[in-house]
Amino acid sequence: MAEKRTPDRPAFSVAGFSLPLYLGILAMTIAAMYTGSVPSGMVGGMLVLMVFGEGFNMLGRTVPVVKTYLGGSVICILGAAVVRAAGFIPGGTLEILDAFVNRQGFLVFYISALICGSLFNIDRGLLIRATVKLLPTAILSLAVCVTVTGLLSTLLGLSFLEGVLYIVIPMTSGGMTAGAVPLSSMYAQVLNQDAGMILTRIAPATVLGNVIAIIFGALANDLGRRKPALSGNGQLVNDGTAAPERPPMKPTFKSLTTGLIIALGFYQAGAILNRFLPLIPTYAWMIIMVVAVKSSGILSDRLEDAAREWGYFAIDAWTAAALTGIGFTLIDLKTIMHTLTPGYLLVVLAGVLTVTLTAGFIGARFMGFYPIESSIAAGMCTTNMGGSGNVAVLSSAERMDLLPFAQIVTRSCGALMLTIGGILIRLLA
């Protein structure tokens, strides 16, 4: 009789590999980077991000104190940003990573899976009840944030209006490409100044606001563990109506294929609509369509299950890689440190803290939300750098189910703040 084979399960592993084997793969990857041998495109970009990402994630989940207050997600982002700032990533590899993450669609591929997976995982009635209350919560919280941050800006020698225009609005305008870049162009046209100089001035608030929100997300998650009454464990609405439990996921290769096509199909449809009405971003169109399909119930349970199975597969497989890509390519610590002064840090910190606490209070007191989930979705996510920033904050808070709500808030409030910025800048002309 043949001896029964037992599975190889190392007591301590990284991405399923024993530590010595992982270190060997890491050494090979670093050797490829420094010899200019990293393949361009998906192969090189995916391998580098997954190898480094799983290592950063392991450190964040095992190192004492770090695992309690920050966690693997924060370390993936900040660790990658530190490695880049220290000059340890060769220029050729950095170009490959930047192209893979930001131009060849890795983040689009990942975020589209998350949006579909999380939206189709939400009960239909809960989705409608939450959405109609979320934007008022976020807008009221932003109003308080603008007031507090504008007043504190006088500590930097700025006027109230300058503090709003150069710190608050860049921090809450929806990111870099969708927020700070068009904002700098609007300011430049009105003030007759160079758009690049204005972007250099406002970009640190955009990046730093997101970094602080990421750290706050980890702290909120820790608070939720210590005080369970404040947390819905990823569920936003606390109105006494329990959401129906979804059946456990049993993905197959076929269902994952189906889910992949559904996710990319919704994104493609969003891109088509954006082509004819560019005022609304592609992700926003995608969310609108998924919400409409989910609310109408026209998609079969089998197809909805396939979409959510694919979404949660993507979360498990590529979150560490996506966050590490954000750290390598979108978080410029040198720019932050060049601008950072104690007063500047205080103003940005106060802004994120104000919008977070206000959203938690309004959501819990008037909207029937759980305080922690409300502070994250309607608060922290107003200061994020678009979809990638939402992924970073929700991952650090371990509440990826809030991604659809976060996207709604970030895109809607970002467009609102851009509009306000375009109006107020004329007062400085």
Protein backbone atom coordinates (compact mmCIF):
# COMPACT_ATOMS: atom_id res chain seq x y z
CA MET A 1 0.00 0.00 0.00
CA ALA A 2 1.42 3.40 -0.96
CA GLU A 3 2.34 5.75 1.82
CA LYS A 4 -0.09 8.65 2.16
CA ARG A 5 1.49 11.94 1.15
CA THR A 6 1.15 14.80 3.60
CA PRO A 7 1.00 18.40 2.40
CA ASP A 8 4.06 20.59 2.76
CA ARG A 9 3.02 23.32 5.17
CA PRO A 10 5.95 25.34 6.55
CA ALA A 11 5.33 26.68 10.04
CA PHE A 12 6.38 30.17 8.89
CA SER A 13 5.81 31.09 5.28
CA VAL A 14 5.68 34.02 2.88
CA ALA A 15 3.22 33.66 -0.01
CA GLY A 16 3.12 29.93 0.73
CA PHE A 17 6.90 29.51 0.54
CA SER A 18 9.18 28.63 3.43
CA LEU A 19 11.30 31.60 4.53
CA PRO A 20 14.59 30.30 2.99
CA LEU A 21 12.85 29.62 -0.32
CA TYR A 22 11.20 33.05 -0.32
CA LEU A 23 14.53 34.74 0.42
CA GLY A 24 16.02 32.86 -2.53
CA ILE A 25 13.25 34.17 -4.82
CA LEU A 26 13.77 37.68 -3.42
CA ALA A 27 17.52 37.47 -4.08
CA MET A 28 16.88 36.34 -7.66
CA THR A 29 14.46 39.23 -8.17
CA ILE A 30 16.95 41.78 -6.81
CA ALA A 31 19.68 40.32 -9.03
CA ALA A 32 17.41 40.75 -12.04
CA MET A 33 16.74 44.37 -11.05
CA TYR A 34 20.42 45.29 -10.71
CA THR A 35 21.48 43.52 -13.90
CA GLY A 36 18.73 45.09 -15.96
CA SER A 37 17.12 41.70 -16.56
CA VAL A 38 13.58 42.40 -15.31
CA PRO A 39 11.21 41.64 -18.21
CA SER A 40 9.13 44.60 -19.30
CA GLY A 41 5.36 44.52 -19.10
CA MET A 42 3.19 42.26 -17.00
CA VAL A 43 5.75 39.52 -16.28
CA GLY A 44 8.38 41.73 -14.69
CA GLY A 45 5.98 44.16 -13.06
CA MET A 46 3.82 41.45 -11.52
CA LEU A 47 6.76 39.41 -10.24
CA VAL A 48 8.59 42.33 -8.61
CA LEU A 49 5.44 43.67 -6.95
CA MET A 50 4.25 40.28 -5.69
CA VAL A 51 7.68 39.28 -4.31
CA PHE A 52 8.27 42.59 -2.54
CA GLY A 53 4.61 43.00 -1.58
CA GLU A 54 4.33 39.63 0.14
CA GLY A 55 7.54 40.35 2.05
CA PHE A 56 6.34 43.77 3.22
CA ASN A 57 2.97 42.27 4.15
CA MET A 58 4.65 39.55 6.21
CA LEU A 59 6.73 42.15 8.09
CA GLY A 60 3.67 44.28 8.79
CA ARG A 61 1.74 41.31 10.15
CA THR A 62 4.49 39.82 12.33
CA VAL A 63 6.68 42.62 13.74
CA PRO A 64 5.51 43.55 17.28
CA VAL A 65 3.87 46.99 17.68
CA VAL A 66 3.86 47.44 13.87
CA LYS A 67 1.32 44.65 13.44
CA THR A 68 -0.91 46.17 16.14
CA TYR A 69 -1.01 49.77 14.97
CA LEU A 70 -0.18 49.67 11.26
CA GLY A 71 -0.40 46.18 9.77
CA GLY A 72 0.73 44.68 6.51
CA SER A 73 -1.14 47.07 4.22
CA VAL A 74 0.46 50.23 5.61
CA ILE A 75 3.92 48.66 5.55
CA CYS A 76 3.43 47.60 1.91
CA ILE A 77 2.85 51.24 0.95
CA LEU A 78 5.27 53.02 3.25
CA GLY A 79 7.93 50.31 2.97
CA ALA A 80 7.90 50.56 -0.81
CA ALA A 81 7.97 54.38 -0.63
CA VAL A 82 10.98 54.28 1.72
CA VAL A 83 12.84 51.79 -0.50
CA ARG A 84 12.23 54.02 -3.53
CA ALA A 85 13.21 57.22 -1.70
CA ALA A 86 16.44 55.55 -0.51
CA GLY A 87 17.38 54.91 -4.14
CA PHE A 88 17.38 51.12 -3.86
CA ILE A 89 15.20 50.61 -6.95
CA PRO A 90 17.18 50.91 -10.21
CA GLY A 91 15.78 53.41 -12.69
CA GLY A 92 14.99 50.77 -15.30
CA THR A 93 12.97 48.70 -12.85
CA LEU A 94 11.13 51.79 -11.60
CA GLU A 95 10.14 52.65 -15.17
CA ILE A 96 8.79 49.12 -15.68
CA LEU A 97 6.80 49.32 -12.43
CA ASP A 98 5.43 52.77 -13.21
CA ALA A 99 4.30 51.66 -16.66
CA PHE A 100 2.75 48.44 -15.33
CA VAL A 101 0.90 50.07 -12.44
CA ASN A 102 -0.22 53.36 -13.96
CA ARG A 103 -0.26 53.01 -17.76
CA GLN A 104 -0.67 49.32 -18.57
CA GLY A 105 -3.71 48.92 -16.36
CA PHE A 106 -2.72 46.80 -13.35
CA LEU A 107 -4.59 49.06 -10.92
CA VAL A 108 -7.57 49.20 -13.31
CA PHE A 109 -7.56 45.40 -13.51
CA TYR A 110 -7.41 45.12 -9.70
CA ILE A 111 -9.84 47.90 -8.76
CA SER A 112 -12.47 46.84 -11.30
CA ALA A 113 -12.47 43.37 -9.71
CA LEU A 114 -12.87 44.91 -6.25
CA ILE A 115 -15.72 47.21 -7.27
CA CYS A 116 -17.74 44.42 -8.86
CA GLY A 117 -16.94 41.91 -6.13
CA SER A 118 -17.84 44.19 -3.25
CA LEU A 119 -20.96 45.69 -4.86
CA PHE A 120 -22.40 42.31 -5.81
CA ASN A 121 -21.66 41.10 -2.29
CA ILE A 122 -23.88 43.80 -0.74
CA ASP A 123 -27.57 43.21 -0.10
CA ARG A 124 -29.71 45.18 -2.57
CA GLY A 125 -31.76 47.03 0.04
CA LEU A 126 -28.70 47.83 2.15
CA LEU A 127 -26.93 49.30 -0.87
CA ILE A 128 -29.77 51.72 -1.57
CA ARG A 129 -30.24 52.73 2.10
CA ALA A 130 -26.55 53.45 2.56
CA THR A 131 -25.90 55.35 -0.67
CA VAL A 132 -28.59 58.01 -0.22
CA LYS A 133 -27.23 58.95 3.23
CA LEU A 134 -23.53 58.73 2.52
CA LEU A 135 -22.94 61.81 0.34
CA PRO A 136 -24.69 64.25 2.72
CA THR A 137 -22.52 62.88 5.53
CA ALA A 138 -19.36 63.38 3.49
CA ILE A 139 -20.28 66.89 2.30
CA LEU A 140 -21.14 68.12 5.80
CA SER A 141 -17.91 66.64 7.12
CA LEU A 142 -15.94 68.40 4.39
CA ALA A 143 -17.56 71.72 5.28
CA VAL A 144 -16.30 71.39 8.87
CA CYS A 145 -12.88 70.29 7.59
CA VAL A 146 -12.60 73.36 5.32
CA THR A 147 -13.44 75.68 8.21
CA VAL A 148 -10.97 74.16 10.69
CA THR A 149 -8.12 73.72 8.22
CA GLY A 150 -8.57 77.19 6.76
CA LEU A 151 -8.33 78.73 10.23
CA LEU A 152 -5.26 76.68 11.16
CA SER A 153 -3.55 77.70 7.93
CA THR A 154 -3.03 81.13 9.42
CA LEU A 155 -0.33 79.47 11.54
CA LEU A 156 1.68 79.09 8.32
CA GLY A 157 1.26 82.75 7.48
CA LEU A 158 -1.45 82.07 4.92
CA SER A 159 -4.84 83.70 4.71
CA PHE A 160 -7.95 81.59 5.28
CA LEU A 161 -8.61 81.56 1.53
CA GLU A 162 -5.04 80.52 0.66
CA GLY A 163 -5.20 77.68 3.18
CA VAL A 164 -8.39 76.42 1.59
CA LEU A 165 -7.07 76.73 -1.98
CA TYR A 166 -3.56 75.35 -1.48
CA ILE A 167 -4.08 72.75 1.25
CA VAL A 168 -7.70 71.70 1.81
CA ILE A 169 -8.95 71.53 -1.78
CA PRO A 170 -5.86 69.70 -3.17
CA MET A 171 -6.16 67.23 -0.29
CA THR A 172 -9.84 66.51 -1.02
CA SER A 173 -10.06 66.88 -4.82
CA GLY A 174 -9.87 63.16 -5.64
CA GLY A 175 -6.19 62.45 -6.15
CA MET A 176 -3.35 63.53 -8.39
CA THR A 177 -4.43 62.95 -12.01
CA ALA A 178 -8.13 63.62 -11.37
CA GLY A 179 -7.60 66.34 -8.77
CA ALA A 180 -4.28 68.14 -8.26
CA VAL A 181 -3.25 68.20 -11.93
CA PRO A 182 -6.45 69.79 -13.32
CA LEU A 183 -6.59 72.01 -10.24
CA SER A 184 -3.10 73.36 -10.98
CA SER A 185 -4.17 74.10 -14.57
CA MET A 186 -7.24 76.02 -13.39
CA TYR A 187 -5.17 78.02 -10.88
CA ALA A 188 -2.50 78.75 -13.51
CA GLN A 189 -5.01 80.12 -16.02
CA VAL A 190 -6.58 82.47 -13.49
CA LEU A 191 -3.35 83.61 -11.79
CA ASN A 192 -1.27 83.67 -14.99
CA GLN A 193 1.39 81.47 -13.36
CA ASP A 194 3.22 78.29 -14.36
CA ALA A 195 1.06 75.20 -13.76
CA GLY A 196 4.13 73.12 -12.83
CA MET A 197 5.08 75.49 -10.02
CA ILE A 198 1.53 75.44 -8.68
CA LEU A 199 1.41 71.64 -8.85
CA THR A 200 4.66 71.43 -6.86
CA ARG A 201 3.05 73.61 -4.20
CA ILE A 202 -0.24 71.72 -3.89
CA ALA A 203 0.91 68.11 -4.51
CA PRO A 204 2.32 67.53 -0.99
CA ALA A 205 -1.11 68.13 0.57
CA THR A 206 -2.62 65.58 -1.82
CA VAL A 207 -0.04 62.90 -1.02
CA LEU A 208 0.33 63.64 2.69
CA GLY A 209 -3.44 63.66 3.26
CA ASN A 210 -3.66 60.17 1.79
CA VAL A 211 -0.70 58.89 3.85
CA ILE A 212 -2.27 60.17 7.07
CA ALA A 213 -5.61 58.62 6.12
CA ILE A 214 -3.86 55.27 5.58
CA ILE A 215 -2.41 55.41 9.09
CA PHE A 216 -5.76 56.51 10.50
CA GLY A 217 -7.38 53.51 8.79
CA ALA A 218 -5.08 51.14 10.65
CA LEU A 219 -5.74 52.95 13.94
CA ALA A 220 -9.51 52.82 13.34
CA ASN A 221 -9.27 49.08 12.77
CA ASP A 222 -7.43 48.69 16.06
CA LEU A 223 -10.07 50.82 17.83
CA GLY A 224 -12.81 48.63 16.37
CA ARG A 225 -11.16 45.53 17.84
CA ARG A 226 -10.91 47.11 21.28
CA LYS A 227 -14.40 48.67 21.23
CA PRO A 228 -16.66 46.39 19.15
CA ALA A 229 -19.74 48.54 19.79
CA LEU A 230 -18.29 51.23 17.50
CA SER A 231 -17.67 48.88 14.60
CA GLY A 232 -19.83 47.12 12.04
CA ASN A 233 -16.88 44.97 10.95
CA GLY A 234 -17.17 46.33 7.42
CA GLN A 235 -20.94 46.86 7.43
CA LEU A 236 -21.83 50.54 7.10
CA VAL A 237 -25.53 50.71 8.04
CA ASN A 238 -26.55 50.23 11.67
CA ASP A 239 -30.34 50.56 11.44
CA GLY A 240 -31.30 47.36 13.20
CA THR A 241 -31.94 45.53 9.93
CA ALA A 242 -29.61 42.61 9.54
CA ALA A 243 -28.33 42.08 6.01
CA PRO A 244 -29.13 38.62 4.63
CA GLU A 245 -26.13 36.34 4.71
CA ARG A 246 -24.73 35.40 1.34
CA PRO A 247 -24.00 31.72 0.74
CA PRO A 248 -20.34 30.77 1.17
CA MET A 249 -18.26 31.20 -1.95
CA LYS A 250 -17.22 28.03 -3.77
CA PRO A 251 -15.25 29.37 -6.72
CA THR A 252 -14.31 27.21 -9.68
CA PHE A 253 -11.95 27.97 -12.56
CA LYS A 254 -15.02 28.56 -14.73
CA SER A 255 -16.72 30.94 -12.30
CA LEU A 256 -13.49 32.94 -11.86
CA THR A 257 -13.26 33.30 -15.63
CA THR A 258 -16.86 34.48 -15.75
CA GLY A 259 -16.26 36.95 -12.92
CA LEU A 260 -13.18 38.35 -14.66
CA ILE A 261 -15.16 39.02 -17.83
CA ILE A 262 -17.99 40.65 -15.84
CA ALA A 263 -15.59 43.00 -14.02
CA LEU A 264 -13.70 44.06 -17.14
CA GLY A 265 -16.95 44.28 -19.09
CA PHE A 266 -18.41 46.79 -16.64
CA TYR A 267 -15.18 48.82 -16.77
CA GLN A 268 -15.27 48.79 -20.58
CA ALA A 269 -18.88 49.96 -20.54
CA GLY A 270 -17.85 52.77 -18.18
CA ALA A 271 -15.07 53.76 -20.57
CA ILE A 272 -17.55 53.93 -23.45
CA LEU A 273 -19.90 56.21 -21.49
CA ASN A 274 -16.94 58.34 -20.36
CA ARG A 275 -16.04 58.79 -24.03
CA PHE A 276 -19.38 60.53 -24.66
CA LEU A 277 -19.75 62.23 -21.25
CA PRO A 278 -16.20 62.77 -19.94
CA LEU A 279 -17.39 64.91 -17.04
CA ILE A 280 -18.15 61.66 -15.19
CA PRO A 281 -15.02 59.49 -14.67
CA THR A 282 -14.90 55.90 -15.94
CA TYR A 283 -14.93 54.40 -12.43
CA ALA A 284 -17.96 56.52 -11.54
CA TRP A 285 -19.81 55.27 -14.62
CA MET A 286 -18.82 51.74 -13.71
CA ILE A 287 -20.20 52.12 -10.18
CA ILE A 288 -23.44 53.66 -11.48
CA MET A 289 -24.00 50.74 -13.84
CA VAL A 290 -23.15 48.05 -11.29
CA VAL A 291 -25.45 49.70 -8.73
CA ALA A 292 -28.24 49.88 -11.33
CA VAL A 293 -27.81 46.23 -12.28
CA LYS A 294 -27.58 45.15 -8.66
CA SER A 295 -30.62 47.19 -7.63
CA SER A 296 -32.74 45.88 -10.51
CA GLY A 297 -31.82 42.26 -9.88
CA ILE A 298 -31.57 41.53 -13.60
CA LEU A 299 -28.32 39.57 -13.20
CA SER A 300 -28.76 35.95 -12.13
CA ASP A 301 -27.48 34.78 -8.74
CA ARG A 302 -24.94 32.59 -10.53
CA LEU A 303 -23.42 35.57 -12.34
CA GLU A 304 -23.48 37.77 -9.24
CA ASP A 305 -21.69 35.02 -7.33
CA ALA A 306 -19.09 34.75 -10.09
CA ALA A 307 -18.41 38.50 -9.87
CA ARG A 308 -17.98 38.46 -6.10
CA GLU A 309 -15.84 35.32 -6.21
CA TRP A 310 -13.51 36.96 -8.72
CA GLY A 311 -13.38 40.14 -6.62
CA TYR A 312 -12.36 38.32 -3.47
CA PHE A 313 -9.85 36.21 -5.37
CA ALA A 314 -8.23 39.45 -6.56
CA ILE A 315 -8.16 40.79 -2.99
CA ASP A 316 -6.40 37.69 -1.73
CA ALA A 317 -3.98 37.39 -4.64
CA TRP A 318 -2.94 40.95 -5.48
CA THR A 319 -3.67 43.37 -2.63
CA ALA A 320 -0.08 43.32 -1.34
CA ALA A 321 1.23 43.76 -4.88
CA ALA A 322 -1.16 46.64 -5.65
CA LEU A 323 -0.31 48.47 -2.44
CA THR A 324 3.41 48.01 -3.03
CA GLY A 325 2.95 49.37 -6.55
CA ILE A 326 1.24 52.43 -5.09
CA GLY A 327 4.17 52.94 -2.71
CA PHE A 328 6.79 52.52 -5.44
CA THR A 329 5.14 54.73 -8.06
CA LEU A 330 2.69 57.16 -6.45
CA ILE A 331 4.04 58.07 -2.98
CA ASP A 332 7.00 60.45 -3.36
CA LEU A 333 8.52 60.81 0.11
CA LYS A 334 11.16 63.24 -1.13
CA THR A 335 8.49 65.70 -2.24
CA ILE A 336 6.69 65.31 1.06
CA MET A 337 9.84 65.80 3.15
CA HIS A 338 10.88 68.85 1.10
CA THR A 339 7.61 70.62 1.95
CA LEU A 340 7.04 69.19 5.38
CA THR A 341 7.28 71.56 8.33
CA PRO A 342 5.72 71.08 11.77
CA GLY A 343 3.05 73.67 10.96
CA TYR A 344 2.22 72.17 7.55
CA LEU A 345 1.99 68.70 9.04
CA LEU A 346 -0.27 70.00 11.81
CA VAL A 347 -2.66 71.61 9.33
CA VAL A 348 -2.96 68.52 7.12
CA LEU A 349 -3.21 66.23 10.14
CA ALA A 350 -5.93 68.41 11.63
CA GLY A 351 -7.81 68.37 8.33
CA VAL A 352 -7.86 64.59 8.05
CA LEU A 353 -8.68 64.21 11.74
CA THR A 354 -11.53 66.73 11.53
CA VAL A 355 -13.21 65.14 8.52
CA THR A 356 -12.77 61.69 10.07
CA LEU A 357 -14.30 62.54 13.46
CA THR A 358 -17.08 64.64 11.95
CA ALA A 359 -18.09 61.87 9.54
CA GLY A 360 -18.10 59.37 12.39
CA PHE A 361 -20.29 61.61 14.53
CA ILE A 362 -22.78 62.64 11.81
CA GLY A 363 -23.01 59.12 10.44
CA ALA A 364 -23.66 57.54 13.84
CA ARG A 365 -25.88 60.28 15.26
CA PHE A 366 -28.09 61.14 12.28
CA MET A 367 -27.65 58.58 9.48
CA GLY A 368 -27.76 55.21 11.21
CA PHE A 369 -24.17 54.27 10.33
CA TYR A 370 -21.58 52.54 12.46
CA PRO A 371 -19.14 55.24 13.69
CA ILE A 372 -15.94 53.60 12.48
CA GLU A 373 -17.30 52.64 9.07
CA SER A 374 -18.77 56.11 8.62
CA SER A 375 -15.52 57.81 9.63
CA ILE A 376 -13.68 55.71 7.04
CA ALA A 377 -16.07 55.80 4.08
CA ALA A 378 -17.40 59.36 4.47
CA GLY A 379 -14.34 60.84 6.20
CA MET A 380 -10.93 59.40 5.41
CA CYS A 381 -11.90 58.56 1.84
CA THR A 382 -12.49 62.23 1.03
CA THR A 383 -8.72 62.78 1.40
CA ASN A 384 -7.62 59.87 -0.80
CA MET A 385 -5.71 59.84 -4.09
CA GLY A 386 -8.53 58.33 -6.13
CA GLY A 387 -9.16 54.61 -6.46
CA SER A 388 -5.64 53.61 -5.46
CA GLY A 389 -5.89 55.72 -2.31
CA ASN A 390 -9.22 54.11 -1.42
CA VAL A 391 -7.68 50.67 -1.79
CA ALA A 392 -4.79 51.69 0.46
CA VAL A 393 -6.97 53.13 3.24
CA LEU A 394 -9.57 50.36 3.20
CA SER A 395 -6.89 47.71 3.15
CA SER A 396 -5.15 49.25 6.17
CA ALA A 397 -8.55 49.38 7.91
CA GLU A 398 -9.33 45.80 6.81
CA ARG A 399 -12.67 46.94 5.38
CA MET A 400 -12.45 46.36 1.66
CA ASP A 401 -16.22 45.78 1.53
CA LEU A 402 -16.59 49.56 1.80
CA LEU A 403 -14.83 50.15 -1.53
CA PRO A 404 -17.97 50.99 -3.58
CA PHE A 405 -19.05 53.57 -0.99
CA ALA A 406 -15.51 54.96 -0.85
CA GLN A 407 -15.41 55.34 -4.63
CA ILE A 408 -18.75 57.16 -4.64
CA VAL A 409 -17.49 59.58 -1.98
CA THR A 410 -14.06 60.16 -3.50
CA ARG A 411 -15.32 60.80 -7.03
CA SER A 412 -18.38 62.89 -6.11
CA CYS A 413 -16.71 65.01 -3.44
CA GLY A 414 -13.56 65.34 -5.54
CA ALA A 415 -15.57 66.82 -8.40
CA LEU A 416 -17.34 69.15 -5.95
CA MET A 417 -14.05 70.40 -4.48
CA LEU A 418 -12.57 70.95 -7.95
CA THR A 419 -15.58 73.11 -8.81
CA ILE A 420 -15.26 75.09 -5.58
CA GLY A 421 -11.54 75.56 -6.19
CA GLY A 422 -12.19 76.89 -9.69
CA ILE A 423 -14.61 79.45 -8.27
CA LEU A 424 -12.60 80.56 -5.23
CA ILE A 425 -9.27 81.00 -7.05
CA ARG A 426 -10.78 83.97 -8.87
CA LEU A 427 -10.90 85.78 -5.52
CA LEU A 428 -7.07 85.75 -5.47
CA ALA A 429 -6.68 87.00 -9.04
